[in-house]
Protein backbone atom coordinates (compact mmCIF):
# COMPACT_ATOMS: atom_id res chain seq x y z
CA MET A 1 13.54 8.85 -20.27
CA ARG A 2 11.42 9.30 -17.17
CA ALA A 3 8.85 6.99 -15.64
CA TYR A 4 5.45 8.59 -15.12
CA ILE A 5 2.06 7.38 -13.93
CA ALA A 6 -0.20 7.32 -16.98
CA GLY A 7 -3.20 5.56 -15.45
CA ILE A 8 -4.61 4.68 -12.05
CA GLY A 9 -7.40 2.47 -10.75
CA MET A 10 -8.73 0.98 -7.52
CA HIS A 11 -11.11 -1.68 -6.28
CA VAL A 12 -12.37 -2.72 -2.85
CA PRO A 13 -14.63 -5.63 -1.86
CA GLU A 14 -18.37 -4.99 -1.57
CA ARG A 15 -18.64 -5.94 2.10
CA ILE A 16 -18.27 -2.97 4.45
CA VAL A 17 -17.49 -3.70 8.10
CA THR A 18 -18.21 -0.77 10.41
CA ASN A 19 -16.99 -0.18 13.92
CA ALA A 20 -20.51 -1.07 15.07
CA ASP A 21 -20.09 -4.46 13.37
CA LEU A 22 -16.84 -5.04 15.24
CA GLU A 23 -18.57 -4.23 18.51
CA LYS A 24 -20.59 -7.43 17.98
CA MET A 25 -17.43 -9.52 17.49
CA MET A 26 -15.23 -8.26 20.31
CA ASP A 27 -15.13 -6.03 23.37
CA THR A 28 -14.63 -2.67 21.67
CA THR A 29 -16.52 0.51 20.80
CA ASP A 30 -16.76 2.91 17.91
CA GLU A 31 -15.38 5.66 20.17
CA TRP A 32 -12.36 3.55 21.17
CA ILE A 33 -11.49 2.67 17.56
CA THR A 34 -12.05 6.17 16.23
CA GLU A 35 -10.02 7.83 18.98
CA ARG A 36 -7.00 5.56 18.44
CA SER A 37 -7.02 5.20 14.67
CA GLY A 38 -9.52 7.51 12.97
CA ILE A 39 -11.08 4.48 11.25
CA LYS A 40 -14.86 4.24 10.91
CA GLU A 41 -15.19 1.36 8.42
CA ARG A 42 -13.21 -1.02 6.24
CA HIS A 43 -13.89 -3.54 3.45
CA TYR A 44 -13.60 -7.33 3.84
CA ALA A 45 -13.08 -9.74 0.96
CA LYS A 46 -15.63 -12.52 0.66
CA PRO A 47 -14.62 -16.19 1.09
CA GLY A 48 -12.71 -17.41 -1.96
CA GLU A 49 -11.73 -13.89 -3.05
CA GLY A 50 -7.97 -13.41 -3.32
CA PRO A 51 -5.68 -10.44 -4.00
CA SER A 52 -5.66 -11.16 -7.73
CA ASP A 53 -9.45 -10.97 -7.85
CA LEU A 54 -9.29 -7.47 -6.34
CA ALA A 55 -6.35 -6.57 -8.58
CA LEU A 56 -8.09 -7.30 -11.90
CA PRO A 57 -10.74 -4.51 -11.93
CA ALA A 58 -8.19 -2.01 -10.57
CA ALA A 59 -5.75 -3.00 -13.31
CA LYS A 60 -8.38 -2.71 -16.04
CA GLU A 61 -9.32 0.79 -14.88
CA ALA A 62 -5.67 1.89 -14.84
CA LEU A 63 -5.12 0.46 -18.33
CA GLU A 64 -8.20 2.27 -19.65
CA MET A 65 -7.04 5.60 -18.26
CA ALA A 66 -3.59 5.07 -19.76
CA GLY A 67 -5.14 4.25 -23.14
CA LEU A 68 -3.50 0.85 -23.28
CA LYS A 69 -4.58 -2.74 -23.71
CA ALA A 70 -3.25 -5.58 -21.60
CA GLU A 71 -1.21 -6.74 -24.61
CA ASP A 72 0.74 -3.45 -24.50
CA ILE A 73 2.18 -4.23 -21.04
CA ASP A 74 5.85 -5.24 -20.94
CA LEU A 75 5.92 -6.22 -17.26
CA ILE A 76 3.47 -6.93 -14.44
CA MET A 77 4.56 -5.97 -10.93
CA PHE A 78 2.46 -7.17 -8.00
CA SER A 79 2.76 -6.10 -4.37
CA THR A 80 1.00 -8.07 -1.65
CA VAL A 81 1.54 -9.32 1.89
CA ALA A 82 0.19 -12.74 0.97
CA SER A 83 -0.59 -13.97 -2.53
CA ASP A 84 -3.62 -16.05 -3.50
CA TYR A 85 -1.43 -19.09 -2.85
CA MET A 86 1.88 -19.68 -1.06
CA ILE A 87 3.24 -20.23 -4.57
CA PRO A 88 3.05 -18.94 -7.27
CA GLY A 89 2.97 -15.16 -6.85
CA GLY A 90 -0.02 -12.96 -7.55
CA GLY A 91 1.59 -11.46 -10.63
CA CYS A 92 1.31 -14.77 -12.49
CA ILE A 93 -2.34 -15.15 -11.53
CA LEU A 94 -3.04 -11.63 -12.82
CA ASN A 95 -1.12 -12.50 -15.98
CA GLU A 96 -3.63 -15.31 -16.56
CA TYR A 97 -6.64 -13.13 -15.76
CA LEU A 98 -5.48 -10.47 -18.24
CA GLY A 99 -4.83 -13.08 -20.93
CA ILE A 100 -1.24 -12.07 -21.64
CA PRO A 101 0.84 -15.28 -21.45
CA GLY A 102 4.55 -14.66 -21.85
CA THR A 103 4.49 -11.23 -20.18
CA PRO A 104 6.91 -11.32 -17.21
CA ALA A 105 5.50 -10.99 -13.69
CA LEU A 106 7.42 -9.81 -10.63
CA ASP A 107 6.08 -9.98 -7.07
CA ILE A 108 7.23 -7.51 -4.40
CA ARG A 109 6.92 -8.41 -0.73
CA VAL A 110 7.76 -5.44 1.46
CA GLN A 111 4.38 -5.16 3.12
CA CYS A 112 3.20 -1.58 3.74
CA SER A 113 6.14 -0.15 1.78
CA GLY A 114 5.44 -2.29 -1.28
CA PHE A 115 4.05 0.52 -3.42
CA ILE A 116 6.97 2.87 -2.73
CA TYR A 117 9.57 0.15 -3.31
CA GLY A 118 7.73 -0.91 -6.45
CA LEU A 119 7.72 2.59 -7.92
CA ALA A 120 11.49 2.71 -7.42
CA VAL A 121 11.91 -0.64 -9.20
CA ALA A 122 9.63 0.39 -12.06
CA ARG A 123 11.52 3.65 -12.44
CA GLY A 124 14.78 1.72 -12.77
CA PHE A 125 13.36 -0.59 -15.45
CA ILE A 126 12.01 2.31 -17.50
CA GLU A 127 14.93 4.73 -17.16
CA SER A 128 17.33 1.94 -18.17
CA GLY A 129 15.26 1.28 -21.29
CA ILE A 130 14.42 -2.32 -20.41
CA TYR A 131 10.64 -1.74 -20.38
CA ARG A 132 8.32 1.06 -21.54
CA ASN A 133 4.91 0.06 -20.15
CA ILE A 134 4.60 -1.46 -16.67
CA LEU A 135 1.42 -2.47 -14.88
CA PHE A 136 1.97 -2.23 -11.12
CA VAL A 137 -0.75 -3.47 -8.77
CA ALA A 138 -0.85 -3.51 -4.98
CA ALA A 139 -3.59 -5.82 -3.73
CA GLU A 140 -4.26 -7.09 -0.22
CA VAL A 141 -6.58 -9.64 1.36
CA GLN A 142 -5.36 -9.64 4.94
CA THR A 143 -8.58 -9.84 6.93
CA VAL A 144 -8.28 -13.64 6.83
CA ALA A 145 -5.26 -13.21 9.15
CA LEU A 146 -7.04 -11.08 11.74
CA ASP A 147 -7.85 -12.31 15.23
CA LEU A 148 -11.43 -11.08 15.49
CA ARG A 149 -11.67 -11.81 19.20
CA THR A 150 -11.19 -9.39 22.06
CA GLU A 151 -7.63 -10.72 22.43
CA GLY A 152 -6.75 -9.44 18.96
CA ARG A 153 -8.71 -6.20 18.90
CA ASP A 154 -5.72 -3.82 19.05
CA THR A 155 -4.68 -5.05 15.60
CA ALA A 156 -7.90 -6.44 14.12
CA VAL A 157 -9.75 -3.11 14.09
CA LEU A 158 -7.10 -1.51 11.88
CA PHE A 159 -7.00 -3.58 8.71
CA GLY A 160 -9.07 -3.87 5.55
CA ASP A 161 -8.81 -5.35 2.05
CA GLY A 162 -8.43 -3.58 -1.28
CA ALA A 163 -6.37 -2.99 -4.42
CA GLY A 164 -4.84 -0.07 -6.27
CA ALA A 165 -3.16 -0.14 -9.67
CA VAL A 166 -1.05 2.17 -11.78
CA VAL A 167 0.31 2.03 -15.31
CA ILE A 168 3.84 3.42 -15.42
CA ARG A 169 5.12 4.51 -18.81
CA ALA A 170 8.21 6.04 -20.35
CA THR A 171 8.18 9.72 -21.32
CA ASP A 172 10.62 12.38 -22.43
CA ASP A 173 8.39 15.14 -21.00
CA PRO A 174 10.59 17.03 -18.48
CA ASN A 175 7.51 18.16 -16.56
CA ARG A 176 6.28 14.67 -15.66
CA GLY A 177 7.64 11.58 -13.96
CA ILE A 178 9.29 10.13 -10.85
CA LEU A 179 12.05 12.50 -9.73
CA THR A 180 13.62 10.54 -6.87
CA SER A 181 13.04 7.67 -4.46
CA LYS A 182 14.59 6.97 -1.05
CA LEU A 183 14.25 3.51 0.50
CA HIS A 184 15.22 2.13 3.92
CA ALA A 185 14.84 -0.95 6.13
CA ASP A 186 15.78 -1.98 9.67
CA GLY A 187 15.37 -5.68 10.35
CA ARG A 188 16.04 -5.27 14.07
CA TYR A 189 12.32 -4.56 14.40
CA ALA A 190 11.05 -7.24 12.02
CA ARG A 191 9.16 -9.08 14.75
CA ASP A 192 7.28 -6.00 15.93
CA LEU A 193 4.78 -6.43 13.08
CA MET A 194 4.50 -9.93 11.70
CA ILE A 195 2.58 -13.11 10.89
CA GLU A 196 4.70 -15.89 12.34
CA ALA A 197 3.19 -18.90 10.56
CA PRO A 198 3.16 -20.76 8.25
CA SER A 199 6.94 -20.72 8.48
CA THR A 200 9.71 -22.75 6.88
CA ARG A 201 11.33 -22.73 10.33
CA ASP A 202 8.65 -25.26 11.30
CA ASN A 203 8.48 -28.77 9.86
CA PRO A 204 5.64 -29.47 9.32
CA TRP A 205 5.04 -25.79 8.76
CA LEU A 206 1.41 -25.82 9.85
CA THR A 207 0.08 -27.85 12.76
CA LYS A 208 -2.90 -27.76 15.10
CA GLU A 209 -0.60 -26.45 17.82
CA ILE A 210 0.48 -23.52 15.63
CA LEU A 211 -3.15 -22.72 14.86
CA ASP A 212 -4.16 -23.02 18.51
CA GLN A 213 -1.42 -20.52 19.42
CA ASN A 214 -2.76 -18.09 16.77
CA LYS A 215 0.66 -17.80 15.14
CA HIS A 216 -1.09 -17.47 11.77
CA LYS A 217 -2.66 -14.15 12.83
CA ILE A 218 -1.21 -10.63 12.58
CA THR A 219 0.57 -9.39 15.69
CA MET A 220 1.90 -5.89 16.27
CA ASN A 221 3.82 -3.92 18.85
CA GLY A 222 1.69 -0.83 18.23
CA ARG A 223 3.61 1.48 20.53
CA ASN A 224 6.94 0.79 18.81
CA VAL A 225 5.46 0.97 15.32
CA PHE A 226 3.92 4.38 16.11
CA LYS A 227 7.17 5.71 17.59
CA HIS A 228 9.27 4.75 14.57
CA ALA A 229 6.63 5.79 12.04
CA VAL A 230 6.27 9.36 13.29
CA THR A 231 10.07 9.70 13.24
CA ASN A 232 10.92 7.99 9.94
CA PHE A 233 8.03 9.36 7.87
CA PRO A 234 9.10 13.03 8.07
CA ALA A 235 12.80 12.11 7.96
CA VAL A 236 12.53 10.22 4.66
CA ILE A 237 10.26 12.86 3.13
CA ASN A 238 12.80 15.55 3.99
CA GLU A 239 15.59 13.32 2.65
CA ALA A 240 13.84 12.98 -0.70
CA LEU A 241 13.10 16.70 -0.99
CA GLU A 242 16.66 17.64 -0.03
CA ALA A 243 18.02 15.33 -2.74
CA LEU A 244 16.14 17.48 -5.25
CA HIS A 245 16.97 20.78 -3.51
CA MET A 246 13.21 21.23 -3.30
CA ASP A 247 11.30 23.11 -0.62
CA LYS A 248 8.17 21.56 0.86
CA SER A 249 6.25 24.66 -0.26
CA GLU A 250 6.61 23.32 -3.82
CA VAL A 251 4.66 20.15 -2.93
CA LYS A 252 1.00 20.10 -3.94
CA LEU A 253 0.02 16.98 -1.99
CA VAL A 254 1.55 14.43 0.40
CA VAL A 255 0.03 10.95 0.29
CA THR A 256 1.29 8.67 3.03
CA HIS A 257 0.57 5.03 3.80
CA GLN A 258 -2.79 4.95 5.56
CA ALA A 259 -1.79 3.14 8.76
CA ASN A 260 -3.38 5.32 11.40
CA LEU A 261 -4.86 8.82 11.26
CA ARG A 262 -2.91 9.74 14.42
CA ILE A 263 0.35 8.90 12.62
CA SER A 264 -0.63 11.05 9.61
CA GLU A 265 -1.53 13.95 11.91
CA ALA A 266 1.78 13.62 13.77
CA VAL A 267 3.71 13.58 10.48
CA ALA A 268 1.89 16.68 9.23
CA LYS A 269 2.70 18.47 12.48
CA ARG A 270 6.41 17.56 12.34
CA LEU A 271 6.61 18.68 8.71
CA GLU A 272 4.67 21.84 9.58
CA LEU A 273 2.14 21.13 6.82
CA PRO A 274 -1.63 21.70 7.04
CA MET A 275 -3.22 18.28 7.50
CA HIS A 276 -6.35 18.85 5.45
CA ASP A 277 -4.83 20.99 2.70
CA VAL A 278 -1.60 19.14 1.90
CA VAL A 279 -1.59 15.73 3.65
CA PHE A 280 -4.29 13.49 2.16
CA SER A 281 -6.08 10.87 4.25
CA ASN A 282 -8.93 8.44 3.57
CA ILE A 283 -8.25 5.87 6.30
CA GLN A 284 -11.66 6.47 7.85
CA LYS A 285 -13.28 4.62 4.92
CA TYR A 286 -10.85 1.78 4.28
CA GLY A 287 -8.65 1.19 7.32
CA ASN A 288 -5.09 0.02 6.72
CA THR A 289 -4.94 -1.75 3.35
CA THR A 290 -1.16 -2.17 3.61
CA SER A 291 0.62 -1.74 0.25
CA ALA A 292 -2.68 -0.90 -1.47
CA SER A 293 -3.33 2.11 0.77
CA ILE A 294 -1.20 4.65 -1.12
CA PRO A 295 -2.57 3.90 -4.61
CA ILE A 296 -6.13 3.83 -3.24
CA ALA A 297 -5.59 7.20 -1.56
CA LEU A 298 -3.83 8.56 -4.65
CA TYR A 299 -6.76 7.47 -6.81
CA GLU A 300 -9.30 9.17 -4.57
CA ALA A 301 -7.22 12.35 -4.36
CA PHE A 302 -6.96 12.42 -8.16
CA LYS A 303 -10.71 11.89 -8.62
CA ALA A 304 -11.37 14.66 -6.08
CA GLY A 305 -9.26 17.09 -8.11
CA ARG A 306 -6.62 17.51 -5.42
CA PHE A 307 -3.86 17.62 -8.04
CA THR A 308 -3.40 17.79 -11.80
CA ILE A 309 -0.75 17.24 -14.49
CA GLY A 310 2.56 18.86 -13.57
CA ASP A 311 1.88 19.04 -9.82
CA THR A 312 4.54 17.78 -7.43
CA LEU A 313 3.48 14.93 -5.15
CA VAL A 314 5.25 13.17 -2.29
CA LEU A 315 4.34 9.57 -1.51
CA ALA A 316 5.70 7.96 1.65
CA SER A 317 5.34 4.69 3.52
CA PHE A 318 6.35 2.96 6.73
CA GLY A 319 5.59 -0.59 7.75
CA SER A 320 6.56 -4.11 8.66
CA GLY A 321 10.18 -5.01 8.36
CA PHE A 322 10.63 -2.23 9.41
CA THR A 323 10.68 -0.76 5.90
CA TRP A 324 10.06 2.82 4.82
CA GLY A 325 10.59 5.13 1.89
CA ALA A 326 9.47 8.15 -0.09
CA VAL A 327 8.98 9.04 -3.74
CA VAL A 328 8.76 12.52 -5.23
CA LEU A 329 7.08 12.77 -8.61
CA LYS A 330 5.48 15.19 -11.00
CA TRP A 331 2.07 13.99 -12.02
């Protein structure tokens, strides 16, 4: 049996924050943001809205496309940087929202690489025969962790909130399904992209001093992240294609994690692929939605008719940890 994507959905919050809006919050400009990232706008969750709230409409859309009801799902997988609560995980909250008590829920926490890692895990469950229908959602509300002052602008301008969902099913069709996945991590660079607090290293784990030091906000060594991303993205894509003895000319579309348009352009150049024809990007509308960025981009590419059943796709990610990976599949 193979694992294939039978349904896909997405959802983003209603509130759109443009570069012009950010100009009112910090010392920045639309030109500065666009030049460095390609981002023009992003979506912010409203107060009280958590990842599971974004996940639910995306999950329902994916289920509808797959022709399934929530009761047909054997396993919920949920990728997020930070769940609705410290505990429990977002998968259990979504389990409640969908009204399917007893269905197992598994959270994945590998940040930007969560969707790629999750596809590999789902593939293993299905090919081993353990499950046949898996609902996998990547949902992020990370704007609450942004430092929206001038001091935090290098990071704050990049991120947005959103959710993407897929239904992964078993099939014996040789022309569909996940063909291979390659995953990597290098913890030597874990602190180059992180949220330091709350932390179990601190007792109590949240104090006024920690808040005053902004340790609960996202920090990033942008230069080092960029350097490793533009190297590891093409390397892992080539690794996955070589494992299948497949030439890149056979690939219909490459969908990478939407971290920065400059990274995507650099990856396309190193792979010698036309940026607009083969490498899909929608970061200008959503910013970096972390693990949700690939399914959101995949959804939009599908709706735009950029690929169809039987086409070969490459999905690739790089992010905090550092973690990175690639998946090759036939849609």
